[in-house]
Amino acid sequence: MGYGFTKAAAGVVLSAGIVLTANATMAADYEIRLGHVTSDKEPVHQAMEEFARNVAERTDGQVEISIYPNGTLGTNLELYEQIRAGAPIMTAADPAYLADFVADFGVLGGPYLIDDPRDFTAVVTSDLFTDMTDRLRAETGIELLAMNWFFGQRHMLADKPISSPADLDGMTFRVLPNKMWIETFDALGARPTQLPWPEVYSGLSAGVVEGAEAPLPSIYGAKLHEVKSVISLTGHFKAFTGLIMNADYLASLPEDIQVVLKEEALAAGDFMTDLMLSSQEEWEQKLTDEGVTFNRDVDTEAFRQATLPVYDQFPDWTDGLHQSVVELLQQ
């Protein structure tokens, strides 16, 4: 897929963009579009705004980053294809999607891998992670600027409380279209059903799926609580994301701008992680005020034990990968 647009589509995209520059009266030397599929009300969007502001400031307005939420630049996969084709585009990328290109990334999105999200720093600053990013660049032309953006704990949403794996038996559950999610919910006894994120609301409404899972801000931003009002605090995935762009396009920029983009991507990750960790109670209160019931009676250890075999379902991973990541997290 190329990255050209019809005039009509271009008009929609341009109207949806949020342009952040240091000096609106001067044209930037480099214009980059940053697209994502989530709501502009979510913390990840705030982190992107922070990133764009700081890049503009540090480059004296040479770099203009326009942000396009709600899938206005395309789905995740469409954005990846545009990036690989060389477009001056960035998007958010999580380990599950990157695993389609370099299988080892998949371990970073596994169930119950992390207790304290701040421990993830030990992974993304390791030689193991550097090797993954080097392989991603060499094999796909994708540059991973950062992977330290804590997207939040993912919890389960349904009509009923889900306190143990037995409560998921036979339930149709929306999952992301990747192997880690499918294997995890299969191990829990559910029937994993793939739906793109923009279709989850209608899928829950129409009964295509009986449940879904996401961080609280994403549930709120997509209004999923309007159709399913019980959230069980399972915390089965602690999700991280980050920013990717085309490696050749990045290398074509002046070296000082390359440094700014990389440094500010990491700084925005710290910003988002602090934001997510400090706002859990706020999101719970927002959802409670709109009629959500929270189930806190969750047998986390039962979920953890049920999903341990998931890590044995990835023959393409480097030998001993899961144990290596566990050891990094325990340092």
C-alpha atoms as a PDB file:
ATOM      1  CA  MET A   1       0.000   0.000   0.000  1.00  0.00           C
ATOM      2  CA  GLY A   2       1.313   3.441  -0.898  1.00  0.00           C
ATOM      3  CA  TYR A   3       0.736   6.586   1.082  1.00  0.00           C
ATOM      4  CA  GLY A   4      -1.035   8.743  -1.458  1.00  0.00           C
ATOM      5  CA  PHE A   5      -4.510  10.076  -0.716  1.00  0.00           C
ATOM      6  CA  THR A   6      -7.450  11.220  -2.788  1.00  0.00           C
ATOM      7  CA  LYS A   7      -8.280  14.911  -2.557  1.00  0.00           C
ATOM      8  CA  ALA A   8     -11.348  14.108  -0.488  1.00  0.00           C
ATOM      9  CA  ALA A   9      -9.398  11.908   1.896  1.00  0.00           C
ATOM     10  CA  ALA A  10      -6.650  14.501   2.165  1.00  0.00           C
ATOM     11  CA  GLY A  11      -9.235  17.094   3.135  1.00  0.00           C
ATOM     12  CA  VAL A  12     -10.540  14.889   5.914  1.00  0.00           C
ATOM     13  CA  VAL A  13      -7.043  14.223   7.194  1.00  0.00           C
ATOM     14  CA  LEU A  14      -6.041  17.860   7.106  1.00  0.00           C
ATOM     15  CA  SER A  15      -9.159  18.902   8.956  1.00  0.00           C
ATOM     16  CA  ALA A  16      -8.489  16.291  11.626  1.00  0.00           C
ATOM     17  CA  GLY A  17      -4.855  17.228  12.233  1.00  0.00           C
ATOM     18  CA  ILE A  18      -3.729  19.023  15.346  1.00  0.00           C
ATOM     19  CA  VAL A  19      -0.681  21.052  14.409  1.00  0.00           C
ATOM     20  CA  LEU A  20       1.755  21.987  17.127  1.00  0.00           C
ATOM     21  CA  THR A  21       4.635  24.299  16.222  1.00  0.00           C
ATOM     22  CA  ALA A  22       6.950  26.580  18.085  1.00  0.00           C
ATOM     23  CA  ASN A  23       6.171  29.480  15.785  1.00  0.00           C
ATOM     24  CA  ALA A  24       2.936  29.274  13.757  1.00  0.00           C
ATOM     25  CA  THR A  25       3.963  32.190  11.542  1.00  0.00           C
ATOM     26  CA  MET A  26       6.990  30.417  10.078  1.00  0.00           C
ATOM     27  CA  ALA A  27       6.933  27.379   7.827  1.00  0.00           C
ATOM     28  CA  ALA A  28       8.777  24.402   9.256  1.00  0.00           C
ATOM     29  CA  ASP A  29      11.672  22.822   7.381  1.00  0.00           C
ATOM     30  CA  TYR A  30      10.437  19.317   8.205  1.00  0.00           C
ATOM     31  CA  GLU A  31       6.801  18.282   8.527  1.00  0.00           C
ATOM     32  CA  ILE A  32       5.961  14.930  10.108  1.00  0.00           C
ATOM     33  CA  ARG A  33       2.506  13.440  10.605  1.00  0.00           C
ATOM     34  CA  LEU A  34       1.880  11.446  13.779  1.00  0.00           C
ATOM     35  CA  GLY A  35      -1.171   9.177  13.472  1.00  0.00           C
ATOM     36  CA  HIS A  36      -2.813   6.923  16.020  1.00  0.00           C
ATOM     37  CA  VAL A  37      -6.078   5.013  16.296  1.00  0.00           C
ATOM     38  CA  THR A  38      -7.120   5.979  19.819  1.00  0.00           C
ATOM     39  CA  SER A  39      -9.153   8.910  21.089  1.00  0.00           C
ATOM     40  CA  ASP A  40      -7.715  12.392  21.465  1.00  0.00           C
ATOM     41  CA  LYS A  41      -8.987  12.278  25.069  1.00  0.00           C
ATOM     42  CA  GLU A  42      -6.549   9.539  26.115  1.00  0.00           C
ATOM     43  CA  PRO A  43      -3.185   9.936  27.897  1.00  0.00           C
ATOM     44  CA  VAL A  44      -1.283   8.655  24.852  1.00  0.00           C
ATOM     45  CA  HIS A  45      -2.572  11.656  22.907  1.00  0.00           C
ATOM     46  CA  GLN A  46      -1.437  13.986  25.692  1.00  0.00           C
ATOM     47  CA  ALA A  47       2.005  12.393  25.552  1.00  0.00           C
ATOM     48  CA  MET A  48       2.118  12.927  21.801  1.00  0.00           C
ATOM     49  CA  GLU A  49       1.218  16.590  22.267  1.00  0.00           C
ATOM     50  CA  GLU A  50       4.008  16.880  24.827  1.00  0.00           C
ATOM     51  CA  PHE A  51       6.408  15.240  22.373  1.00  0.00           C
ATOM     52  CA  ALA A  52       5.395  17.536  19.503  1.00  0.00           C
ATOM     53  CA  ARG A  53       5.662  20.700  21.626  1.00  0.00           C
ATOM     54  CA  ASN A  54       9.104  19.814  22.942  1.00  0.00           C
ATOM     55  CA  VAL A  55      10.446  18.841  19.519  1.00  0.00           C
ATOM     56  CA  ALA A  56       9.212  22.132  18.057  1.00  0.00           C
ATOM     57  CA  GLU A  57      10.763  24.091  20.904  1.00  0.00           C
ATOM     58  CA  ARG A  58      14.131  22.339  20.793  1.00  0.00           C
ATOM     59  CA  THR A  59      14.403  22.666  16.998  1.00  0.00           C
ATOM     60  CA  ASP A  60      13.304  26.328  16.966  1.00  0.00           C
ATOM     61  CA  GLY A  61      10.293  25.412  14.856  1.00  0.00           C
ATOM     62  CA  GLN A  62      12.256  23.526  12.193  1.00  0.00           C
ATOM     63  CA  VAL A  63      10.217  20.380  12.872  1.00  0.00           C
ATOM     64  CA  GLU A  64       6.429  20.498  12.802  1.00  0.00           C
ATOM     65  CA  ILE A  65       4.614  17.416  14.051  1.00  0.00           C
ATOM     66  CA  SER A  66       0.888  17.201  13.228  1.00  0.00           C
ATOM     67  CA  ILE A  67      -1.148  14.731  15.288  1.00  0.00           C
ATOM     68  CA  TYR A  68      -4.032  12.749  13.791  1.00  0.00           C
ATOM     69  CA  PRO A  69      -6.085  10.741  16.337  1.00  0.00           C
ATOM     70  CA  ASN A  70      -9.018   8.357  15.886  1.00  0.00           C
ATOM     71  CA  GLY A  71      -7.545   6.520  12.908  1.00  0.00           C
ATOM     72  CA  THR A  72      -7.791   9.501  10.550  1.00  0.00           C
ATOM     73  CA  LEU A  73      -4.522   8.498   8.887  1.00  0.00           C
ATOM     74  CA  GLY A  74      -5.479   4.819   8.750  1.00  0.00           C
ATOM     75  CA  THR A  75      -5.448   1.681  10.864  1.00  0.00           C
ATOM     76  CA  ASN A  76      -2.334   0.527  12.693  1.00  0.00           C
ATOM     77  CA  LEU A  77      -1.370  -1.789   9.851  1.00  0.00           C
ATOM     78  CA  GLU A  78      -2.013   0.892   7.232  1.00  0.00           C
ATOM     79  CA  LEU A  79       0.195   3.317   9.145  1.00  0.00           C
ATOM     80  CA  TYR A  80       2.951   0.707   9.354  1.00  0.00           C
ATOM     81  CA  GLU A  81       2.774   0.176   5.604  1.00  0.00           C
ATOM     82  CA  GLN A  82       3.007   3.915   4.961  1.00  0.00           C
ATOM     83  CA  ILE A  83       6.030   4.145   7.243  1.00  0.00           C
ATOM     84  CA  ARG A  84       7.745   1.215   5.549  1.00  0.00           C
ATOM     85  CA  ALA A  85       7.083   2.879   2.188  1.00  0.00           C
ATOM     86  CA  GLY A  86       9.100   5.896   3.330  1.00  0.00           C
ATOM     87  CA  ALA A  87       6.374   8.386   4.249  1.00  0.00           C
ATOM     88  CA  PRO A  88       7.274  11.114   6.799  1.00  0.00           C
ATOM     89  CA  ILE A  89       4.900   9.553   9.305  1.00  0.00           C
ATOM     90  CA  MET A  90       5.144   8.363  12.897  1.00  0.00           C
ATOM     91  CA  THR A  91       2.757   6.170  14.826  1.00  0.00           C
ATOM     92  CA  ALA A  92       2.441   4.415  18.134  1.00  0.00           C
ATOM     93  CA  ALA A  93       3.669   0.827  18.096  1.00  0.00           C
ATOM     94  CA  ASP A  94       3.390  -1.860  20.745  1.00  0.00           C
ATOM     95  CA  PRO A  95       5.318  -5.133  21.073  1.00  0.00           C
ATOM     96  CA  ALA A  96       2.421  -7.251  19.817  1.00  0.00           C
ATOM     97  CA  TYR A  97       2.384  -5.522  16.437  1.00  0.00           C
ATOM     98  CA  LEU A  98       6.170  -5.345  16.133  1.00  0.00           C
ATOM     99  CA  ALA A  99       6.287  -9.101  16.737  1.00  0.00           C
ATOM    100  CA  ASP A 100       4.856  -9.518  13.235  1.00  0.00           C
ATOM    101  CA  PHE A 101       8.244  -8.272  12.005  1.00  0.00           C
ATOM    102  CA  VAL A 102      10.682  -9.425  14.721  1.00  0.00           C
ATOM    103  CA  ALA A 103       9.141 -12.263  16.711  1.00  0.00           C
ATOM    104  CA  ASP A 104      11.102 -11.598  19.922  1.00  0.00           C
ATOM    105  CA  PHE A 105       9.199  -8.350  20.545  1.00  0.00           C
ATOM    106  CA  GLY A 106       6.157 -10.469  21.395  1.00  0.00           C
ATOM    107  CA  VAL A 107       7.505 -11.484  24.787  1.00  0.00           C
ATOM    108  CA  LEU A 108       7.315  -7.861  25.981  1.00  0.00           C
ATOM    109  CA  GLY A 109       3.523  -7.924  25.714  1.00  0.00           C
ATOM    110  CA  GLY A 110       3.016 -11.207  27.533  1.00  0.00           C
ATOM    111  CA  PRO A 111       0.510 -11.815  30.363  1.00  0.00           C
ATOM    112  CA  TYR A 112       1.546 -11.041  33.932  1.00  0.00           C
ATOM    113  CA  LEU A 113       5.113 -10.366  32.834  1.00  0.00           C
ATOM    114  CA  ILE A 114       5.582  -7.179  34.848  1.00  0.00           C
ATOM    115  CA  ASP A 115       4.616  -6.294  38.413  1.00  0.00           C
ATOM    116  CA  ASP A 116       5.853  -2.701  38.638  1.00  0.00           C
ATOM    117  CA  PRO A 117       5.716  -0.819  35.306  1.00  0.00           C
ATOM    118  CA  ARG A 118       8.812   1.166  36.246  1.00  0.00           C
ATOM    119  CA  ASP A 119      10.821  -2.074  36.145  1.00  0.00           C
ATOM    120  CA  PHE A 120      10.342  -2.091  32.367  1.00  0.00           C
ATOM    121  CA  THR A 121      13.189   0.437  32.117  1.00  0.00           C
ATOM    122  CA  ALA A 122      15.614  -2.420  32.744  1.00  0.00           C
ATOM    123  CA  VAL A 123      14.345  -4.118  29.591  1.00  0.00           C
ATOM    124  CA  VAL A 124      14.322  -1.165  27.197  1.00  0.00           C
ATOM    125  CA  THR A 125      17.846  -0.129  28.235  1.00  0.00           C
ATOM    126  CA  SER A 126      19.270  -3.644  27.813  1.00  0.00           C
ATOM    127  CA  ASP A 127      21.489  -5.163  25.126  1.00  0.00           C
ATOM    128  CA  LEU A 128      18.672  -7.634  24.444  1.00  0.00           C
ATOM    129  CA  PHE A 129      16.321  -4.782  23.518  1.00  0.00           C
ATOM    130  CA  THR A 130      18.991  -3.033  21.430  1.00  0.00           C
ATOM    131  CA  ASP A 131      19.406  -6.237  19.438  1.00  0.00           C
ATOM    132  CA  MET A 132      15.648  -6.339  18.772  1.00  0.00           C
ATOM    133  CA  THR A 133      15.567  -2.735  17.552  1.00  0.00           C
ATOM    134  CA  ASP A 134      18.636  -3.291  15.352  1.00  0.00           C
ATOM    135  CA  ARG A 135      16.958  -6.308  13.743  1.00  0.00           C
ATOM    136  CA  LEU A 136      13.735  -4.354  13.246  1.00  0.00           C
ATOM    137  CA  ARG A 137      15.614  -1.593  11.440  1.00  0.00           C
ATOM    138  CA  ALA A 138      17.648  -3.999   9.289  1.00  0.00           C
ATOM    139  CA  GLU A 139      14.752  -6.267   8.338  1.00  0.00           C
ATOM    140  CA  THR A 140      11.915  -3.762   7.898  1.00  0.00           C
ATOM    141  CA  GLY A 141      13.323  -0.251   7.616  1.00  0.00           C
ATOM    142  CA  ILE A 142      11.386   0.751  10.759  1.00  0.00           C
ATOM    143  CA  GLU A 143      13.108   2.865  13.399  1.00  0.00           C
ATOM    144  CA  LEU A 144      11.856   2.381  16.963  1.00  0.00           C
ATOM    145  CA  LEU A 145      12.410   5.704  18.721  1.00  0.00           C
ATOM    146  CA  ALA A 146      11.116   4.590  22.117  1.00  0.00           C
ATOM    147  CA  MET A 147       9.177   1.802  23.815  1.00  0.00           C
ATOM    148  CA  ASN A 148       8.838   3.219  27.327  1.00  0.00           C
ATOM    149  CA  TRP A 149       5.332   4.722  27.045  1.00  0.00           C
ATOM    150  CA  PHE A 150       3.245   2.954  29.706  1.00  0.00           C
ATOM    151  CA  PHE A 151      -0.162   2.530  28.091  1.00  0.00           C
ATOM    152  CA  GLY A 152      -1.727   1.136  31.245  1.00  0.00           C
ATOM    153  CA  GLN A 153      -2.961  -2.075  32.775  1.00  0.00           C
ATOM    154  CA  ARG A 154      -5.509  -3.877  30.645  1.00  0.00           C
ATOM    155  CA  HIS A 155      -8.689  -4.981  32.403  1.00  0.00           C
ATOM    156  CA  MET A 156     -11.716  -7.034  31.347  1.00  0.00           C
ATOM    157  CA  LEU A 157     -15.108  -5.540  30.502  1.00  0.00           C
ATOM    158  CA  ALA A 158     -18.290  -7.617  30.383  1.00  0.00           C
ATOM    159  CA  ASP A 159     -21.844  -7.910  31.697  1.00  0.00           C
ATOM    160  CA  LYS A 160     -20.645  -9.931  34.684  1.00  0.00           C
ATOM    161  CA  PRO A 161     -17.706  -9.992  37.104  1.00  0.00           C
ATOM    162  CA  ILE A 162     -14.713 -12.031  35.962  1.00  0.00           C
ATOM    163  CA  SER A 163     -12.878 -13.192  39.067  1.00  0.00           C
ATOM    164  CA  SER A 164     -11.112 -16.343  37.857  1.00  0.00           C
ATOM    165  CA  PRO A 165     -10.379 -18.119  34.574  1.00  0.00           C
ATOM    166  CA  ALA A 166     -13.494 -20.245  35.098  1.00  0.00           C
ATOM    167  CA  ASP A 167     -15.622 -17.121  34.570  1.00  0.00           C
ATOM    168  CA  LEU A 168     -14.264 -16.820  31.029  1.00  0.00           C
ATOM    169  CA  ASP A 169     -15.139 -20.355  29.978  1.00  0.00           C
ATOM    170  CA  GLY A 170     -16.649 -20.245  26.489  1.00  0.00           C
ATOM    171  CA  MET A 171     -17.033 -16.440  26.391  1.00  0.00           C
ATOM    172  CA  THR A 172     -16.439 -14.709  23.072  1.00  0.00           C
ATOM    173  CA  PHE A 173     -13.816 -12.111  23.905  1.00  0.00           C
ATOM    174  CA  ARG A 174     -12.489  -9.377  21.656  1.00  0.00           C
ATOM    175  CA  VAL A 175      -8.747  -9.559  21.181  1.00  0.00           C
ATOM    176  CA  LEU A 176      -6.186  -7.718  19.127  1.00  0.00           C
ATOM    177  CA  PRO A 177      -5.303  -9.463  15.853  1.00  0.00           C
ATOM    178  CA  ASN A 178      -2.068 -10.988  17.124  1.00  0.00           C
ATOM    179  CA  LYS A 179      -0.865 -14.299  18.467  1.00  0.00           C
ATOM    180  CA  MET A 180      -0.086 -13.205  22.051  1.00  0.00           C
ATOM    181  CA  TRP A 181      -3.637 -12.029  22.712  1.00  0.00           C
ATOM    182  CA  ILE A 182      -5.151 -15.078  21.028  1.00  0.00           C
ATOM    183  CA  GLU A 183      -2.986 -17.553  22.951  1.00  0.00           C
ATOM    184  CA  THR A 184      -3.614 -15.758  26.250  1.00  0.00           C
ATOM    185  CA  PHE A 185      -7.394 -15.793  26.022  1.00  0.00           C
ATOM    186  CA  ASP A 186      -7.392 -19.303  24.631  1.00  0.00           C
ATOM    187  CA  ALA A 187      -5.400 -20.407  27.693  1.00  0.00           C
ATOM    188  CA  LEU A 188      -8.012 -18.717  29.902  1.00  0.00           C
ATOM    189  CA  GLY A 189     -10.815 -20.741  28.311  1.00  0.00           C
ATOM    190  CA  ALA A 190     -12.380 -17.910  26.310  1.00  0.00           C
ATOM    191  CA  ARG A 191     -13.098 -17.842  22.597  1.00  0.00           C
ATOM    192  CA  PRO A 192     -10.787 -15.082  21.306  1.00  0.00           C
ATOM    193  CA  THR A 193     -12.398 -13.082  18.516  1.00  0.00           C
ATOM    194  CA  GLN A 194     -10.423 -10.573  16.462  1.00  0.00           C
ATOM    195  CA  LEU A 195     -11.966  -7.143  15.911  1.00  0.00           C
ATOM    196  CA  PRO A 196     -10.275  -3.857  14.926  1.00  0.00           C
ATOM    197  CA  TRP A 197     -10.471  -1.318  17.747  1.00  0.00           C
ATOM    198  CA  PRO A 198     -12.955   1.004  15.956  1.00  0.00           C
ATOM    199  CA  GLU A 199     -15.388  -1.951  15.694  1.00  0.00           C
ATOM    200  CA  VAL A 200     -15.307  -3.009  19.354  1.00  0.00           C
ATOM    201  CA  TYR A 201     -18.192  -0.773  20.462  1.00  0.00           C
ATOM    202  CA  SER A 202     -20.502  -2.090  17.756  1.00  0.00           C
ATOM    203  CA  GLY A 203     -19.250  -5.635  18.303  1.00  0.00           C
ATOM    204  CA  LEU A 204     -20.192  -5.484  21.984  1.00  0.00           C
ATOM    205  CA  SER A 205     -23.514  -3.831  21.186  1.00  0.00           C
ATOM    206  CA  ALA A 206     -24.495  -6.426  18.588  1.00  0.00           C
ATOM    207  CA  GLY A 207     -23.324  -9.415  20.619  1.00  0.00           C
ATOM    208  CA  VAL A 208     -20.523 -10.313  18.227  1.00  0.00           C
ATOM    209  CA  VAL A 209     -18.371 -10.489  21.365  1.00  0.00           C
ATOM    210  CA  GLU A 210     -19.408 -10.790  25.010  1.00  0.00           C
ATOM    211  CA  GLY A 211     -16.415  -9.043  26.471  1.00  0.00           C
ATOM    212  CA  ALA A 212     -13.417  -6.879  25.706  1.00  0.00           C
ATOM    213  CA  GLU A 213     -10.271  -5.741  27.473  1.00  0.00           C
ATOM    214  CA  ALA A 214      -8.325  -2.486  27.493  1.00  0.00           C
ATOM    215  CA  PRO A 215      -6.795   0.100  29.829  1.00  0.00           C
ATOM    216  CA  LEU A 216      -9.345   2.242  31.662  1.00  0.00           C
ATOM    217  CA  PRO A 217      -8.661   5.403  29.594  1.00  0.00           C
ATOM    218  CA  SER A 218      -9.256   3.451  26.392  1.00  0.00           C
ATOM    219  CA  ILE A 219     -12.496   1.968  27.720  1.00  0.00           C
ATOM    220  CA  TYR A 220     -13.641   5.465  28.656  1.00  0.00           C
ATOM    221  CA  GLY A 221     -12.425   7.094  25.433  1.00  0.00           C
ATOM    222  CA  ALA A 222     -14.208   4.522  23.247  1.00  0.00           C
ATOM    223  CA  LYS A 223     -17.319   4.632  25.490  1.00  0.00           C
ATOM    224  CA  LEU A 224     -17.322   0.839  25.804  1.00  0.00           C
ATOM    225  CA  HIS A 225     -18.816   1.184  29.281  1.00  0.00           C
ATOM    226  CA  GLU A 226     -22.042   2.317  27.639  1.00  0.00           C
ATOM    227  CA  VAL A 227     -22.676  -1.254  26.463  1.00  0.00           C
ATOM    228  CA  LYS A 228     -20.898  -3.338  29.130  1.00  0.00           C
ATOM    229  CA  SER A 229     -20.827  -1.937  32.635  1.00  0.00           C
ATOM    230  CA  VAL A 230     -18.725  -4.340  34.751  1.00  0.00           C
ATOM    231  CA  ILE A 231     -14.949  -3.928  34.747  1.00  0.00           C
ATOM    232  CA  SER A 232     -12.888  -6.623  36.457  1.00  0.00           C
ATOM    233  CA  LEU A 233      -9.454  -5.367  37.503  1.00  0.00           C
ATOM    234  CA  THR A 234      -7.512  -8.326  36.138  1.00  0.00           C
ATOM    235  CA  GLY A 235      -4.434  -6.361  35.038  1.00  0.00           C
ATOM    236  CA  HIS A 236      -3.543  -9.269  32.760  1.00  0.00           C
ATOM    237  CA  PHE A 237      -1.351  -7.163  30.475  1.00  0.00           C
ATOM    238  CA  LYS A 238       0.720  -4.147  31.494  1.00  0.00           C
ATOM    239  CA  ALA A 239       1.001  -2.558  28.118  1.00  0.00           C
ATOM    240  CA  PHE A 240       3.795  -0.396  26.768  1.00  0.00           C
ATOM    241  CA  THR A 241       3.943   1.426  23.482  1.00  0.00           C
ATOM    242  CA  GLY A 242       6.269   3.878  21.765  1.00  0.00           C
ATOM    243  CA  LEU A 243       6.955   5.687  18.512  1.00  0.00           C
ATOM    244  CA  ILE A 244       8.153   4.363  15.164  1.00  0.00           C
ATOM    245  CA  MET A 245       9.080   6.024  11.876  1.00  0.00           C
ATOM    246  CA  ASN A 246      10.917   5.169   8.675  1.00  0.00           C
ATOM    247  CA  ALA A 247      14.609   4.589   9.396  1.00  0.00           C
ATOM    248  CA  ASP A 248      15.839   6.052   6.101  1.00  0.00           C
ATOM    249  CA  TYR A 249      13.708   9.156   6.532  1.00  0.00           C
ATOM    250  CA  LEU A 250      15.096   9.657  10.040  1.00  0.00           C
ATOM    251  CA  ALA A 251      18.655   9.183   8.763  1.00  0.00           C
ATOM    252  CA  SER A 252      18.036  11.839   6.094  1.00  0.00           C
ATOM    253  CA  LEU A 253      17.387  14.507   8.745  1.00  0.00           C
ATOM    254  CA  PRO A 254      20.181  16.630  10.207  1.00  0.00           C
ATOM    255  CA  GLU A 255      21.966  14.775  12.986  1.00  0.00           C
ATOM    256  CA  ASP A 256      20.950  17.249  15.687  1.00  0.00           C
ATOM    257  CA  ILE A 257      17.271  16.787  14.765  1.00  0.00           C
ATOM    258  CA  GLN A 258      17.652  13.018  14.877  1.00  0.00           C
ATOM    259  CA  VAL A 259      19.002  13.346  18.416  1.00  0.00           C
ATOM    260  CA  VAL A 260      16.107  15.596  19.457  1.00  0.00           C
ATOM    261  CA  LEU A 261      13.482  13.188  18.085  1.00  0.00           C
ATOM    262  CA  LYS A 262      15.017  10.222  19.917  1.00  0.00           C
ATOM    263  CA  GLU A 263      15.532  12.068  23.188  1.00  0.00           C
ATOM    264  CA  GLU A 264      12.074  13.623  23.210  1.00  0.00           C
ATOM    265  CA  ALA A 265      10.420  10.298  22.332  1.00  0.00           C
ATOM    266  CA  LEU A 266      11.995   8.817  25.468  1.00  0.00           C
ATOM    267  CA  ALA A 267      11.115  11.887  27.551  1.00  0.00           C
ATOM    268  CA  ALA A 268       7.498  11.678  26.384  1.00  0.00           C
ATOM    269  CA  GLY A 269       7.491   8.037  27.493  1.00  0.00           C
ATOM    270  CA  ASP A 270       8.500   9.104  30.997  1.00  0.00           C
ATOM    271  CA  PHE A 271       5.787  11.770  30.881  1.00  0.00           C
ATOM    272  CA  MET A 272       3.124   9.241  29.867  1.00  0.00           C
ATOM    273  CA  THR A 273       4.242   6.658  32.429  1.00  0.00           C
ATOM    274  CA  ASP A 274       4.006   9.220  35.245  1.00  0.00           C
ATOM    275  CA  LEU A 275       0.615  10.323  33.926  1.00  0.00           C
ATOM    276  CA  MET A 276      -0.773   6.789  33.811  1.00  0.00           C
ATOM    277  CA  LEU A 277       0.532   5.792  37.233  1.00  0.00           C
ATOM    278  CA  SER A 278      -0.843   8.925  38.887  1.00  0.00           C
ATOM    279  CA  SER A 279      -4.289   8.860  37.238  1.00  0.00           C
ATOM    280  CA  GLN A 280      -5.631   5.356  37.959  1.00  0.00           C
ATOM    281  CA  GLU A 281      -8.013   6.535  40.683  1.00  0.00           C
ATOM    282  CA  GLU A 282      -9.195   9.419  38.505  1.00  0.00           C
ATOM    283  CA  TRP A 283     -10.165   7.062  35.669  1.00  0.00           C
ATOM    284  CA  GLU A 284     -11.883   4.710  38.083  1.00  0.00           C
ATOM    285  CA  GLN A 285     -13.908   7.622  39.453  1.00  0.00           C
ATOM    286  CA  LYS A 286     -14.869   8.849  35.974  1.00  0.00           C
ATOM    287  CA  LEU A 287     -16.143   5.404  35.038  1.00  0.00           C
ATOM    288  CA  THR A 288     -17.900   4.921  38.380  1.00  0.00           C
ATOM    289  CA  ASP A 289     -19.684   8.239  37.901  1.00  0.00           C
ATOM    290  CA  GLU A 290     -21.019   6.900  34.583  1.00  0.00           C
ATOM    291  CA  GLY A 291     -22.443   3.738  36.089  1.00  0.00           C
ATOM    292  CA  VAL A 292     -19.569   1.262  35.924  1.00  0.00           C
ATOM    293  CA  THR A 293     -19.244  -1.398  38.622  1.00  0.00           C
ATOM    294  CA  PHE A 294     -15.668  -2.417  39.445  1.00  0.00           C
ATOM    295  CA  ASN A 295     -14.925  -5.991  40.423  1.00  0.00           C
ATOM    296  CA  ARG A 296     -11.825  -6.101  42.635  1.00  0.00           C
ATOM    297  CA  ASP A 297     -12.320  -9.687  43.790  1.00  0.00           C
ATOM    298  CA  VAL A 298      -9.887 -11.122  41.234  1.00  0.00           C
ATOM    299  CA  ASP A 299      -7.771 -14.242  41.772  1.00  0.00           C
ATOM    300  CA  THR A 300      -4.674 -12.842  40.103  1.00  0.00           C
ATOM    301  CA  GLU A 301      -2.554 -15.889  40.912  1.00  0.00           C
ATOM    302  CA  ALA A 302      -5.055 -18.193  39.195  1.00  0.00           C
ATOM    303  CA  PHE A 303      -4.874 -16.017  36.074  1.00  0.00           C
ATOM    304  CA  ARG A 304      -1.075 -15.951  36.257  1.00  0.00           C
ATOM    305  CA  GLN A 305      -0.794 -19.732  36.512  1.00  0.00           C
ATOM    306  CA  ALA A 306      -3.320 -20.306  33.738  1.00  0.00           C
ATOM    307  CA  THR A 307      -1.365 -18.105  31.335  1.00  0.00           C
ATOM    308  CA  LEU A 308       2.173 -19.349  32.069  1.00  0.00           C
ATOM    309  CA  PRO A 309       1.971 -21.965  29.262  1.00  0.00           C
ATOM    310  CA  VAL A 310       1.394 -19.135  26.778  1.00  0.00           C
ATOM    311  CA  TYR A 311       5.135 -18.405  26.808  1.00  0.00           C
ATOM    312  CA  ASP A 312       5.796 -21.869  25.358  1.00  0.00           C
ATOM    313  CA  GLN A 313       3.705 -21.223  22.234  1.00  0.00           C
ATOM    314  CA  PHE A 314       6.270 -19.156  20.316  1.00  0.00           C
ATOM    315  CA  PRO A 315       8.839 -21.398  18.609  1.00  0.00           C
ATOM    316  CA  ASP A 316      10.243 -18.445  16.635  1.00  0.00           C
ATOM    317  CA  TRP A 317      11.510 -16.700  19.774  1.00  0.00           C
ATOM    318  CA  THR A 318      15.203 -16.787  20.597  1.00  0.00           C
ATOM    319  CA  ASP A 319      15.974 -19.677  22.958  1.00  0.00           C
ATOM    320  CA  GLY A 320      15.618 -18.658  26.613  1.00  0.00           C
ATOM    321  CA  LEU A 321      14.066 -15.289  25.721  1.00  0.00           C
ATOM    322  CA  HIS A 322      11.309 -15.309  28.333  1.00  0.00           C
ATOM    323  CA  GLN A 323      13.691 -16.237  31.137  1.00  0.00           C
ATOM    324  CA  SER A 324      16.151 -13.544  30.035  1.00  0.00           C
ATOM    325  CA  VAL A 325      13.437 -10.886  30.239  1.00  0.00           C
ATOM    326  CA  VAL A 326      12.278 -12.152  33.642  1.00  0.00           C
ATOM    327  CA  GLU A 327      15.851 -11.889  34.932  1.00  0.00           C
ATOM    328  CA  LEU A 328      16.151  -8.326  33.631  1.00  0.00           C
ATOM    329  CA  LEU A 329      12.926  -7.361  35.409  1.00  0.00           C
ATOM    330  CA  GLN A 330      14.179  -8.875  38.669  1.00  0.00           C
ATOM    331  CA  GLN A 331      17.433  -6.898  38.737  1.00  0.00           C
END
